[in-house]
């Protein structure tokens, strides 16, 4: 799975005035996003900050059996994104 949990802030183009920043929580899954996918930085016309949720796999989500460690990872990831100044937070699944 992915080991890079750092925030990636990108813009496709600059917008006038105050630019919103979207926080995206991503599953720990091995796939390559394409243009238009929520996980593809070039899909946005504003800044986006990504955070991979370590060990939160699609299979874990589907089963509904989320470990306490992953629950804490989610809390930590939200706090991290808030610290980056995001305007809102969503997920890729």
PDB file of N, CA and C in Angstrom:
ATOM      1  N   UNK A   1       0.833  -1.182   0.000  1.00  0.00           N
ATOM      2  CA  UNK A   1       0.000   0.000   0.000  1.00  0.00           C
ATOM      3  C   UNK A   1       0.880   1.249   0.000  1.00  0.00           C
ATOM      4  N   UNK A   2       0.250   2.405  -0.109  1.00  0.00           N
ATOM      5  CA  UNK A   2       0.991   3.651  -0.164  1.00  0.00           C
ATOM      6  C   UNK A   2       1.651   3.951   1.174  1.00  0.00           C
ATOM      7  N   UNK A   3       2.849   4.475   1.132  1.00  0.00           N
ATOM      8  CA  UNK A   3       3.518   4.887   2.355  1.00  0.00           C
ATOM      9  C   UNK A   3       3.630   6.403   2.443  1.00  0.00           C
ATOM     10  N   UNK A   4       3.344   7.110   1.363  1.00  0.00           N
ATOM     11  CA  UNK A   4       3.435   8.561   1.345  1.00  0.00           C
ATOM     12  C   UNK A   4       2.150   9.154   1.911  1.00  0.00           C
ATOM     13  N   UNK A   5       2.218   9.649   3.137  1.00  0.00           N
ATOM     14  CA  UNK A   5       1.032  10.192   3.787  1.00  0.00           C
ATOM     15  C   UNK A   5       1.036  11.708   3.826  1.00  0.00           C
ATOM     16  N   UNK A   6       1.977  12.330   3.151  1.00  0.00           N
ATOM     17  CA  UNK A   6       2.118  13.774   3.230  1.00  0.00           C
ATOM     18  C   UNK A   6       1.060  14.488   2.408  1.00  0.00           C
ATOM     19  N   UNK A   7       0.865  15.739   2.736  1.00  0.00           N
ATOM     20  CA  UNK A   7      -0.117  16.566   2.045  1.00  0.00           C
ATOM     21  C   UNK A   7       0.445  17.047   0.714  1.00  0.00           C
ATOM     22  N   UNK A   8      -0.354  16.964  -0.314  1.00  0.00           N
ATOM     23  CA  UNK A   8       0.035  17.431  -1.640  1.00  0.00           C
ATOM     24  C   UNK A   8      -0.908  18.560  -2.023  1.00  0.00           C
ATOM     25  N   UNK A   9      -0.423  19.779  -2.013  1.00  0.00           N
ATOM     26  CA  UNK A   9      -1.266  20.926  -2.366  1.00  0.00           C
ATOM     27  C   UNK A   9      -0.942  21.323  -3.789  1.00  0.00           C
ATOM     28  N   UNK A  10      -1.957  21.325  -4.638  1.00  0.00           N
ATOM     29  CA  UNK A  10      -1.758  21.654  -6.041  1.00  0.00           C
ATOM     30  C   UNK A  10      -2.846  22.604  -6.517  1.00  0.00           C
ATOM     31  N   UNK A  11      -2.575  23.259  -7.618  1.00  0.00           N
ATOM     32  CA  UNK A  11      -3.604  24.052  -8.293  1.00  0.00           C
ATOM     33  C   UNK A  11      -3.504  23.804  -9.780  1.00  0.00           C
ATOM     34  N   UNK A  12      -4.639  23.774 -10.433  1.00  0.00           N
ATOM     35  CA  UNK A  12      -4.645  23.670 -11.891  1.00  0.00           C
ATOM     36  C   UNK A  12      -4.526  25.054 -12.506  1.00  0.00           C
ATOM     37  N   UNK A  13      -5.095  26.032 -11.843  1.00  0.00           N
ATOM     38  CA  UNK A  13      -4.978  27.431 -12.280  1.00  0.00           C
ATOM     39  C   UNK A  13      -5.262  28.310 -11.077  1.00  0.00           C
ATOM     40  N   UNK A  14      -4.734  29.500 -11.088  1.00  0.00           N
ATOM     41  CA  UNK A  14      -4.971  30.431  -9.990  1.00  0.00           C
ATOM     42  C   UNK A  14      -6.341  31.078 -10.159  1.00  0.00           C
ATOM     43  N   UNK A  15      -7.025  31.232  -9.050  1.00  0.00           N
ATOM     44  CA  UNK A  15      -8.320  31.898  -9.054  1.00  0.00           C
ATOM     45  C   UNK A  15      -8.181  33.217  -8.308  1.00  0.00           C
ATOM     46  N   UNK A  16      -8.895  34.241  -8.740  1.00  0.00           N
ATOM     47  CA  UNK A  16      -8.808  35.528  -8.042  1.00  0.00           C
ATOM     48  C   UNK A  16      -9.451  35.453  -6.660  1.00  0.00           C
ATOM     49  N   UNK A  17      -8.976  36.301  -5.764  1.00  0.00           N
ATOM     50  CA  UNK A  17      -9.547  36.343  -4.428  1.00  0.00           C
ATOM     51  C   UNK A  17      -9.091  35.164  -3.579  1.00  0.00           C
ATOM     52  N   UNK A  18      -9.811  34.947  -2.492  1.00  0.00           N
ATOM     53  CA  UNK A  18      -9.468  33.858  -1.581  1.00  0.00           C
ATOM     54  C   UNK A  18      -9.836  32.512  -2.208  1.00  0.00           C
ATOM     55  N   UNK A  19      -8.861  31.651  -2.290  1.00  0.00           N
ATOM     56  CA  UNK A  19      -9.061  30.353  -2.918  1.00  0.00           C
ATOM     57  C   UNK A  19      -9.393  29.305  -1.865  1.00  0.00           C
ATOM     58  N   UNK A  20     -10.467  28.547  -2.054  1.00  0.00           N
ATOM     59  CA  UNK A  20     -10.774  27.472  -1.110  1.00  0.00           C
ATOM     60  C   UNK A  20      -9.738  26.355  -1.220  1.00  0.00           C
ATOM     61  N   UNK A  21      -9.582  25.618  -0.146  1.00  0.00           N
ATOM     62  CA  UNK A  21      -8.691  24.473  -0.130  1.00  0.00           C
ATOM     63  C   UNK A  21      -9.510  23.267   0.313  1.00  0.00           C
ATOM     64  N   UNK A  22      -9.571  22.255  -0.532  1.00  0.00           N
ATOM     65  CA  UNK A  22     -10.317  21.044  -0.233  1.00  0.00           C
ATOM     66  C   UNK A  22      -9.387  20.007   0.369  1.00  0.00           C
ATOM     67  N   UNK A  23      -9.794  19.386   1.454  1.00  0.00           N
ATOM     68  CA  UNK A  23      -9.062  18.271   2.045  1.00  0.00           C
ATOM     69  C   UNK A  23      -9.685  16.966   1.575  1.00  0.00           C
ATOM     70  N   UNK A  24      -8.861  16.031   1.095  1.00  0.00           N
ATOM     71  CA  UNK A  24      -9.364  14.743   0.614  1.00  0.00           C
ATOM     72  C   UNK A  24      -8.688  13.619   1.398  1.00  0.00           C
ATOM     73  N   UNK A  25      -9.489  12.841   2.108  1.00  0.00           N
ATOM     74  CA  UNK A  25      -9.005  11.647   2.790  1.00  0.00           C
ATOM     75  C   UNK A  25      -9.067  10.496   1.801  1.00  0.00           C
ATOM     76  N   UNK A  26      -7.935   9.810   1.634  1.00  0.00           N
ATOM     77  CA  UNK A  26      -7.855   8.753   0.630  1.00  0.00           C
ATOM     78  C   UNK A  26      -7.655   7.389   1.291  1.00  0.00           C
ATOM     79  N   UNK A  27      -8.317   6.389   0.725  1.00  0.00           N
ATOM     80  CA  UNK A  27      -8.090   5.021   1.167  1.00  0.00           C
ATOM     81  C   UNK A  27      -6.667   4.603   0.834  1.00  0.00           C
ATOM     82  N   UNK A  28      -6.164   3.643   1.565  1.00  0.00           N
ATOM     83  CA  UNK A  28      -4.845   3.077   1.316  1.00  0.00           C
ATOM     84  C   UNK A  28      -5.021   1.977   0.274  1.00  0.00           C
ATOM     85  N   UNK A  29      -5.042   2.392  -0.982  1.00  0.00           N
ATOM     86  CA  UNK A  29      -5.312   1.470  -2.089  1.00  0.00           C
ATOM     87  C   UNK A  29      -4.330   1.723  -3.220  1.00  0.00           C
ATOM     88  N   UNK A  30      -3.997   0.677  -3.932  1.00  0.00           N
ATOM     89  CA  UNK A  30      -3.013   0.760  -5.004  1.00  0.00           C
ATOM     90  C   UNK A  30      -3.716   0.891  -6.357  1.00  0.00           C
ATOM     91  N   UNK A  31      -3.954   2.136  -6.763  1.00  0.00           N
ATOM     92  CA  UNK A  31      -4.515   2.380  -8.095  1.00  0.00           C
ATOM     93  C   UNK A  31      -4.021   3.734  -8.584  1.00  0.00           C
ATOM     94  N   UNK A  32      -4.036   3.921  -9.874  1.00  0.00           N
ATOM     95  CA  UNK A  32      -3.591   5.172 -10.469  1.00  0.00           C
ATOM     96  C   UNK A  32      -4.818   5.974 -10.892  1.00  0.00           C
ATOM     97  N   UNK A  33      -5.077   7.103 -10.211  1.00  0.00           N
ATOM     98  CA  UNK A  33      -6.235   7.917 -10.590  1.00  0.00           C
ATOM     99  C   UNK A  33      -6.011   8.608 -11.933  1.00  0.00           C
ATOM    100  N   UNK A  34      -7.093   8.867 -12.632  1.00  0.00           N
ATOM    101  CA  UNK A  34      -7.045   9.549 -13.924  1.00  0.00           C
ATOM    102  C   UNK A  34      -7.791  10.872 -13.826  1.00  0.00           C
ATOM    103  N   UNK A  35      -7.603  11.722 -14.828  1.00  0.00           N
ATOM    104  CA  UNK A  35      -8.284  13.019 -14.877  1.00  0.00           C
ATOM    105  C   UNK A  35      -9.774  12.844 -14.573  1.00  0.00           C
ATOM    106  N   UNK A  36     -10.286  13.635 -13.669  1.00  0.00           N
ATOM    107  CA  UNK A  36     -11.687  13.571 -13.279  1.00  0.00           C
ATOM    108  C   UNK A  36     -11.919  12.790 -12.002  1.00  0.00           C
ATOM    109  N   UNK A  37     -10.975  11.935 -11.623  1.00  0.00           N
ATOM    110  CA  UNK A  37     -11.070  11.167 -10.383  1.00  0.00           C
ATOM    111  C   UNK A  37     -10.810  12.094  -9.201  1.00  0.00           C
ATOM    112  N   UNK A  38     -11.490  11.873  -8.093  1.00  0.00           N
ATOM    113  CA  UNK A  38     -11.314  12.710  -6.904  1.00  0.00           C
ATOM    114  C   UNK A  38      -9.877  12.683  -6.402  1.00  0.00           C
ATOM    115  N   UNK A  39      -9.151  11.611  -6.662  1.00  0.00           N
ATOM    116  CA  UNK A  39      -7.774  11.480  -6.184  1.00  0.00           C
ATOM    117  C   UNK A  39      -6.731  12.029  -7.148  1.00  0.00           C
ATOM    118  N   UNK A  40      -7.158  12.563  -8.270  1.00  0.00           N
ATOM    119  CA  UNK A  40      -6.233  13.106  -9.272  1.00  0.00           C
ATOM    120  C   UNK A  40      -6.102  14.615  -9.060  1.00  0.00           C
ATOM    121  N   UNK A  41      -4.916  15.095  -8.675  1.00  0.00           N
ATOM    122  CA  UNK A  41      -4.759  16.524  -8.376  1.00  0.00           C
ATOM    123  C   UNK A  41      -5.185  17.451  -9.506  1.00  0.00           C
ATOM    124  N   UNK A  42      -5.015  17.053 -10.751  1.00  0.00           N
ATOM    125  CA  UNK A  42      -5.370  17.904 -11.879  1.00  0.00           C
ATOM    126  C   UNK A  42      -6.861  18.004 -12.147  1.00  0.00           C
ATOM    127  N   UNK A  43      -7.674  17.319 -11.343  1.00  0.00           N
ATOM    128  CA  UNK A  43      -9.129  17.360 -11.517  1.00  0.00           C
ATOM    129  C   UNK A  43      -9.748  18.646 -10.975  1.00  0.00           C
ATOM    130  N   UNK A  44      -8.966  19.453 -10.295  1.00  0.00           N
ATOM    131  CA  UNK A  44      -9.508  20.600  -9.571  1.00  0.00           C
ATOM    132  C   UNK A  44      -8.998  21.916 -10.138  1.00  0.00           C
ATOM    133  N   UNK A  45      -9.817  22.938  -9.981  1.00  0.00           N
ATOM    134  CA  UNK A  45      -9.416  24.290 -10.365  1.00  0.00           C
ATOM    135  C   UNK A  45      -9.098  25.113  -9.119  1.00  0.00           C
ATOM    136  N   UNK A  46      -8.862  24.436  -8.001  1.00  0.00           N
ATOM    137  CA  UNK A  46      -8.521  25.078  -6.737  1.00  0.00           C
ATOM    138  C   UNK A  46      -7.552  24.165  -5.987  1.00  0.00           C
ATOM    139  N   UNK A  47      -7.052  24.655  -4.875  1.00  0.00           N
ATOM    140  CA  UNK A  47      -6.068  23.904  -4.105  1.00  0.00           C
ATOM    141  C   UNK A  47      -6.712  22.688  -3.436  1.00  0.00           C
ATOM    142  N   UNK A  48      -5.942  21.605  -3.391  1.00  0.00           N
ATOM    143  CA  UNK A  48      -6.402  20.364  -2.777  1.00  0.00           C
ATOM    144  C   UNK A  48      -5.275  19.809  -1.918  1.00  0.00           C
ATOM    145  N   UNK A  49      -5.628  19.318  -0.750  1.00  0.00           N
ATOM    146  CA  UNK A  49      -4.669  18.715   0.154  1.00  0.00           C
ATOM    147  C   UNK A  49      -5.108  17.266   0.405  1.00  0.00           C
ATOM    148  N   UNK A  50      -4.257  16.313   0.020  1.00  0.00           N
ATOM    149  CA  UNK A  50      -4.591  14.902   0.148  1.00  0.00           C
ATOM    150  C   UNK A  50      -3.936  14.309   1.394  1.00  0.00           C
ATOM    151  N   UNK A  51      -4.618  13.351   2.002  1.00  0.00           N
ATOM    152  CA  UNK A  51      -4.040  12.597   3.118  1.00  0.00           C
ATOM    153  C   UNK A  51      -4.487  11.150   2.980  1.00  0.00           C
ATOM    154  N   UNK A  52      -3.523  10.250   2.841  1.00  0.00           N
ATOM    155  CA  UNK A  52      -3.826   8.823   2.759  1.00  0.00           C
ATOM    156  C   UNK A  52      -4.043   8.283   4.168  1.00  0.00           C
ATOM    157  N   UNK A  53      -5.117   7.529   4.334  1.00  0.00           N
ATOM    158  CA  UNK A  53      -5.429   6.911   5.622  1.00  0.00           C
ATOM    159  C   UNK A  53      -4.728   5.557   5.686  1.00  0.00           C
ATOM    160  N   UNK A  54      -3.589   5.535   6.349  1.00  0.00           N
ATOM    161  CA  UNK A  54      -2.752   4.341   6.422  1.00  0.00           C
ATOM    162  C   UNK A  54      -3.554   3.147   6.931  1.00  0.00           C
ATOM    163  N   UNK A  55      -3.493   2.069   6.175  1.00  0.00           N
ATOM    164  CA  UNK A  55      -4.125   0.777   6.488  1.00  0.00           C
ATOM    165  C   UNK A  55      -5.648   0.749   6.340  1.00  0.00           C
ATOM    166  N   UNK A  56      -6.264   1.863   5.917  1.00  0.00           N
ATOM    167  CA  UNK A  56      -7.712   1.830   5.659  1.00  0.00           C
ATOM    168  C   UNK A  56      -7.912   1.404   4.205  1.00  0.00           C
ATOM    169  N   UNK A  57      -8.097   0.125   4.013  1.00  0.00           N
ATOM    170  CA  UNK A  57      -8.236  -0.451   2.669  1.00  0.00           C
ATOM    171  C   UNK A  57      -9.705  -0.470   2.244  1.00  0.00           C
ATOM    172  N   UNK A  58      -9.954  -0.606   0.953  1.00  0.00           N
ATOM    173  CA  UNK A  58     -11.346  -0.754   0.500  1.00  0.00           C
ATOM    174  C   UNK A  58     -12.026  -1.960   1.149  1.00  0.00           C
ATOM    175  N   UNK A  59     -11.283  -3.038   1.332  1.00  0.00           N
ATOM    176  CA  UNK A  59     -11.863  -4.241   1.952  1.00  0.00           C
ATOM    177  C   UNK A  59     -12.282  -3.976   3.388  1.00  0.00           C
ATOM    178  N   UNK A  60     -11.469  -3.215   4.128  1.00  0.00           N
ATOM    179  CA  UNK A  60     -11.828  -2.887   5.507  1.00  0.00           C
ATOM    180  C   UNK A  60     -13.090  -2.041   5.530  1.00  0.00           C
ATOM    181  N   UNK A  61     -13.188  -1.083   4.614  1.00  0.00           N
ATOM    182  CA  UNK A  61     -14.385  -0.235   4.546  1.00  0.00           C
ATOM    183  C   UNK A  61     -15.625  -1.058   4.236  1.00  0.00           C
ATOM    184  N   UNK A  62     -15.503  -1.958   3.270  1.00  0.00           N
ATOM    185  CA  UNK A  62     -16.646  -2.785   2.882  1.00  0.00           C
ATOM    186  C   UNK A  62     -17.104  -3.697   4.015  1.00  0.00           C
ATOM    187  N   UNK A  63     -16.147  -4.191   4.811  1.00  0.00           N
ATOM    188  CA  UNK A  63     -16.502  -5.099   5.906  1.00  0.00           C
ATOM    189  C   UNK A  63     -17.128  -4.356   7.081  1.00  0.00           C
ATOM    190  N   UNK A  64     -16.798  -3.069   7.221  1.00  0.00           N
ATOM    191  CA  UNK A  64     -17.296  -2.300   8.352  1.00  0.00           C
ATOM    192  C   UNK A  64     -16.509  -2.554   9.628  1.00  0.00           C
ATOM    193  N   UNK A  65     -15.484  -3.386   9.556  1.00  0.00           N
ATOM    194  CA  UNK A  65     -14.659  -3.708  10.725  1.00  0.00           C
ATOM    195  C   UNK A  65     -13.414  -2.819  10.725  1.00  0.00           C
ATOM    196  N   UNK A  66     -13.556  -1.633  11.283  1.00  0.00           N
ATOM    197  CA  UNK A  66     -12.469  -0.662  11.316  1.00  0.00           C
ATOM    198  C   UNK A  66     -11.727  -0.824  12.640  1.00  0.00           C
ATOM    199  N   UNK A  67     -10.436  -1.044  12.559  1.00  0.00           N
ATOM    200  CA  UNK A  67      -9.651  -1.235  13.780  1.00  0.00           C
ATOM    201  C   UNK A  67      -9.530   0.078  14.553  1.00  0.00           C
ATOM    202  N   UNK A  68      -9.226  -0.024  15.830  1.00  0.00           N
ATOM    203  CA  UNK A  68      -9.023   1.175  16.649  1.00  0.00           C
ATOM    204  C   UNK A  68      -7.846   2.003  16.144  1.00  0.00           C
ATOM    205  N   UNK A  69      -6.820   1.330  15.628  1.00  0.00           N
ATOM    206  CA  UNK A  69      -5.667   2.051  15.087  1.00  0.00           C
ATOM    207  C   UNK A  69      -6.065   2.878  13.867  1.00  0.00           C
ATOM    208  N   UNK A  70      -6.887   2.317  13.021  1.00  0.00           N
ATOM    209  CA  UNK A  70      -7.333   3.048  11.829  1.00  0.00           C
ATOM    210  C   UNK A  70      -8.287   4.175  12.229  1.00  0.00           C
ATOM    211  N   UNK A  71      -9.127   3.938  13.206  1.00  0.00           N
ATOM    212  CA  UNK A  71     -10.004   5.014  13.696  1.00  0.00           C
ATOM    213  C   UNK A  71      -9.173   6.192  14.185  1.00  0.00           C
ATOM    214  N   UNK A  72      -8.091   5.897  14.896  1.00  0.00           N
ATOM    215  CA  UNK A  72      -7.212   6.971  15.369  1.00  0.00           C
ATOM    216  C   UNK A  72      -6.510   7.645  14.197  1.00  0.00           C
ATOM    217  N   UNK A  73      -6.145   6.874  13.171  1.00  0.00           N
ATOM    218  CA  UNK A  73      -5.532   7.438  11.967  1.00  0.00           C
ATOM    219  C   UNK A  73      -6.487   8.427  11.295  1.00  0.00           C
ATOM    220  N   UNK A  74      -7.769   8.103  11.283  1.00  0.00           N
ATOM    221  CA  UNK A  74      -8.768   9.006  10.693  1.00  0.00           C
ATOM    222  C   UNK A  74      -8.832  10.315  11.480  1.00  0.00           C
ATOM    223  N   UNK A  75      -8.880  10.208  12.799  1.00  0.00           N
ATOM    224  CA  UNK A  75      -8.909  11.406  13.652  1.00  0.00           C
ATOM    225  C   UNK A  75      -7.659  12.246  13.414  1.00  0.00           C
ATOM    226  N   UNK A  76      -6.503  11.597  13.397  1.00  0.00           N
ATOM    227  CA  UNK A  76      -5.243  12.316  13.174  1.00  0.00           C
ATOM    228  C   UNK A  76      -5.207  12.975  11.793  1.00  0.00           C
ATOM    229  N   UNK A  77      -5.731  12.281  10.790  1.00  0.00           N
ATOM    230  CA  UNK A  77      -5.738  12.822   9.430  1.00  0.00           C
ATOM    231  C   UNK A  77      -6.636  14.054   9.334  1.00  0.00           C
ATOM    232  N   UNK A  78      -7.781  14.019   9.969  1.00  0.00           N
ATOM    233  CA  UNK A  78      -8.685  15.182   9.963  1.00  0.00           C
ATOM    234  C   UNK A  78      -8.008  16.369  10.654  1.00  0.00           C
ATOM    235  N   UNK A  79      -7.371  16.108  11.785  1.00  0.00           N
ATOM    236  CA  UNK A  79      -6.667  17.185  12.481  1.00  0.00           C
ATOM    237  C   UNK A  79      -5.540  17.744  11.626  1.00  0.00           C
ATOM    238  N   UNK A  80      -4.838  16.871  10.916  1.00  0.00           N
ATOM    239  CA  UNK A  80      -3.769  17.301  10.028  1.00  0.00           C
ATOM    240  C   UNK A  80      -4.316  18.220   8.937  1.00  0.00           C
ATOM    241  N   UNK A  81      -5.400  17.799   8.294  1.00  0.00           N
ATOM    242  CA  UNK A  81      -5.984  18.614   7.230  1.00  0.00           C
ATOM    243  C   UNK A  81      -6.482  19.950   7.777  1.00  0.00           C
ATOM    244  N   UNK A  82      -7.095  19.926   8.954  1.00  0.00           N
ATOM    245  CA  UNK A  82      -7.527  21.185   9.572  1.00  0.00           C
ATOM    246  C   UNK A  82      -6.338  22.103   9.791  1.00  0.00           C
ATOM    247  N   UNK A  83      -5.220  21.524  10.213  1.00  0.00           N
ATOM    248  CA  UNK A  83      -4.000  22.305  10.426  1.00  0.00           C
ATOM    249  C   UNK A  83      -3.444  22.873   9.143  1.00  0.00           C
ATOM    250  N   UNK A  84      -3.766  22.269   8.005  1.00  0.00           N
ATOM    251  CA  UNK A  84      -3.340  22.771   6.698  1.00  0.00           C
ATOM    252  C   UNK A  84      -4.244  23.887   6.201  1.00  0.00           C
ATOM    253  N   UNK A  85      -5.328  24.160   6.962  1.00  0.00           N
ATOM    254  CA  UNK A  85      -6.229  25.258   6.601  1.00  0.00           C
ATOM    255  C   UNK A  85      -7.263  24.918   5.546  1.00  0.00           C
ATOM    256  N   UNK A  86      -7.628  23.637   5.441  1.00  0.00           N
ATOM    257  CA  UNK A  86      -8.622  23.273   4.431  1.00  0.00           C
ATOM    258  C   UNK A  86      -9.976  23.903   4.745  1.00  0.00           C
ATOM    259  N   UNK A  87     -10.743  24.123   3.694  1.00  0.00           N
ATOM    260  CA  UNK A  87     -12.065  24.714   3.821  1.00  0.00           C
ATOM    261  C   UNK A  87     -13.113  23.656   4.088  1.00  0.00           C
ATOM    262  N   UNK A  88     -12.909  22.454   3.544  1.00  0.00           N
ATOM    263  CA  UNK A  88     -13.822  21.331   3.732  1.00  0.00           C
ATOM    264  C   UNK A  88     -13.063  20.034   3.539  1.00  0.00           C
ATOM    265  N   UNK A  89     -13.635  18.940   4.036  1.00  0.00           N
ATOM    266  CA  UNK A  89     -12.987  17.634   3.941  1.00  0.00           C
ATOM    267  C   UNK A  89     -13.976  16.625   3.358  1.00  0.00           C
ATOM    268  N   UNK A  90     -13.482  15.817   2.418  1.00  0.00           N
ATOM    269  CA  UNK A  90     -14.273  14.755   1.822  1.00  0.00           C
ATOM    270  C   UNK A  90     -13.375  13.524   1.703  1.00  0.00           C
ATOM    271  N   UNK A  91     -13.927  12.439   1.172  1.00  0.00           N
ATOM    272  CA  UNK A  91     -13.152  11.218   0.995  1.00  0.00           C
ATOM    273  C   UNK A  91     -13.248  10.714  -0.427  1.00  0.00           C
ATOM    274  N   UNK A  92     -12.337   9.827  -0.793  1.00  0.00           N
ATOM    275  CA  UNK A  92     -12.341   9.295  -2.161  1.00  0.00           C
ATOM    276  C   UNK A  92     -13.164   8.026  -2.275  1.00  0.00           C
ATOM    277  N   UNK A  93     -13.862   7.638  -1.235  1.00  0.00           N
ATOM    278  CA  UNK A  93     -14.706   6.459  -1.317  1.00  0.00           C
ATOM    279  C   UNK A  93     -15.912   6.604  -0.412  1.00  0.00           C
TER     280      UNK A  93
END
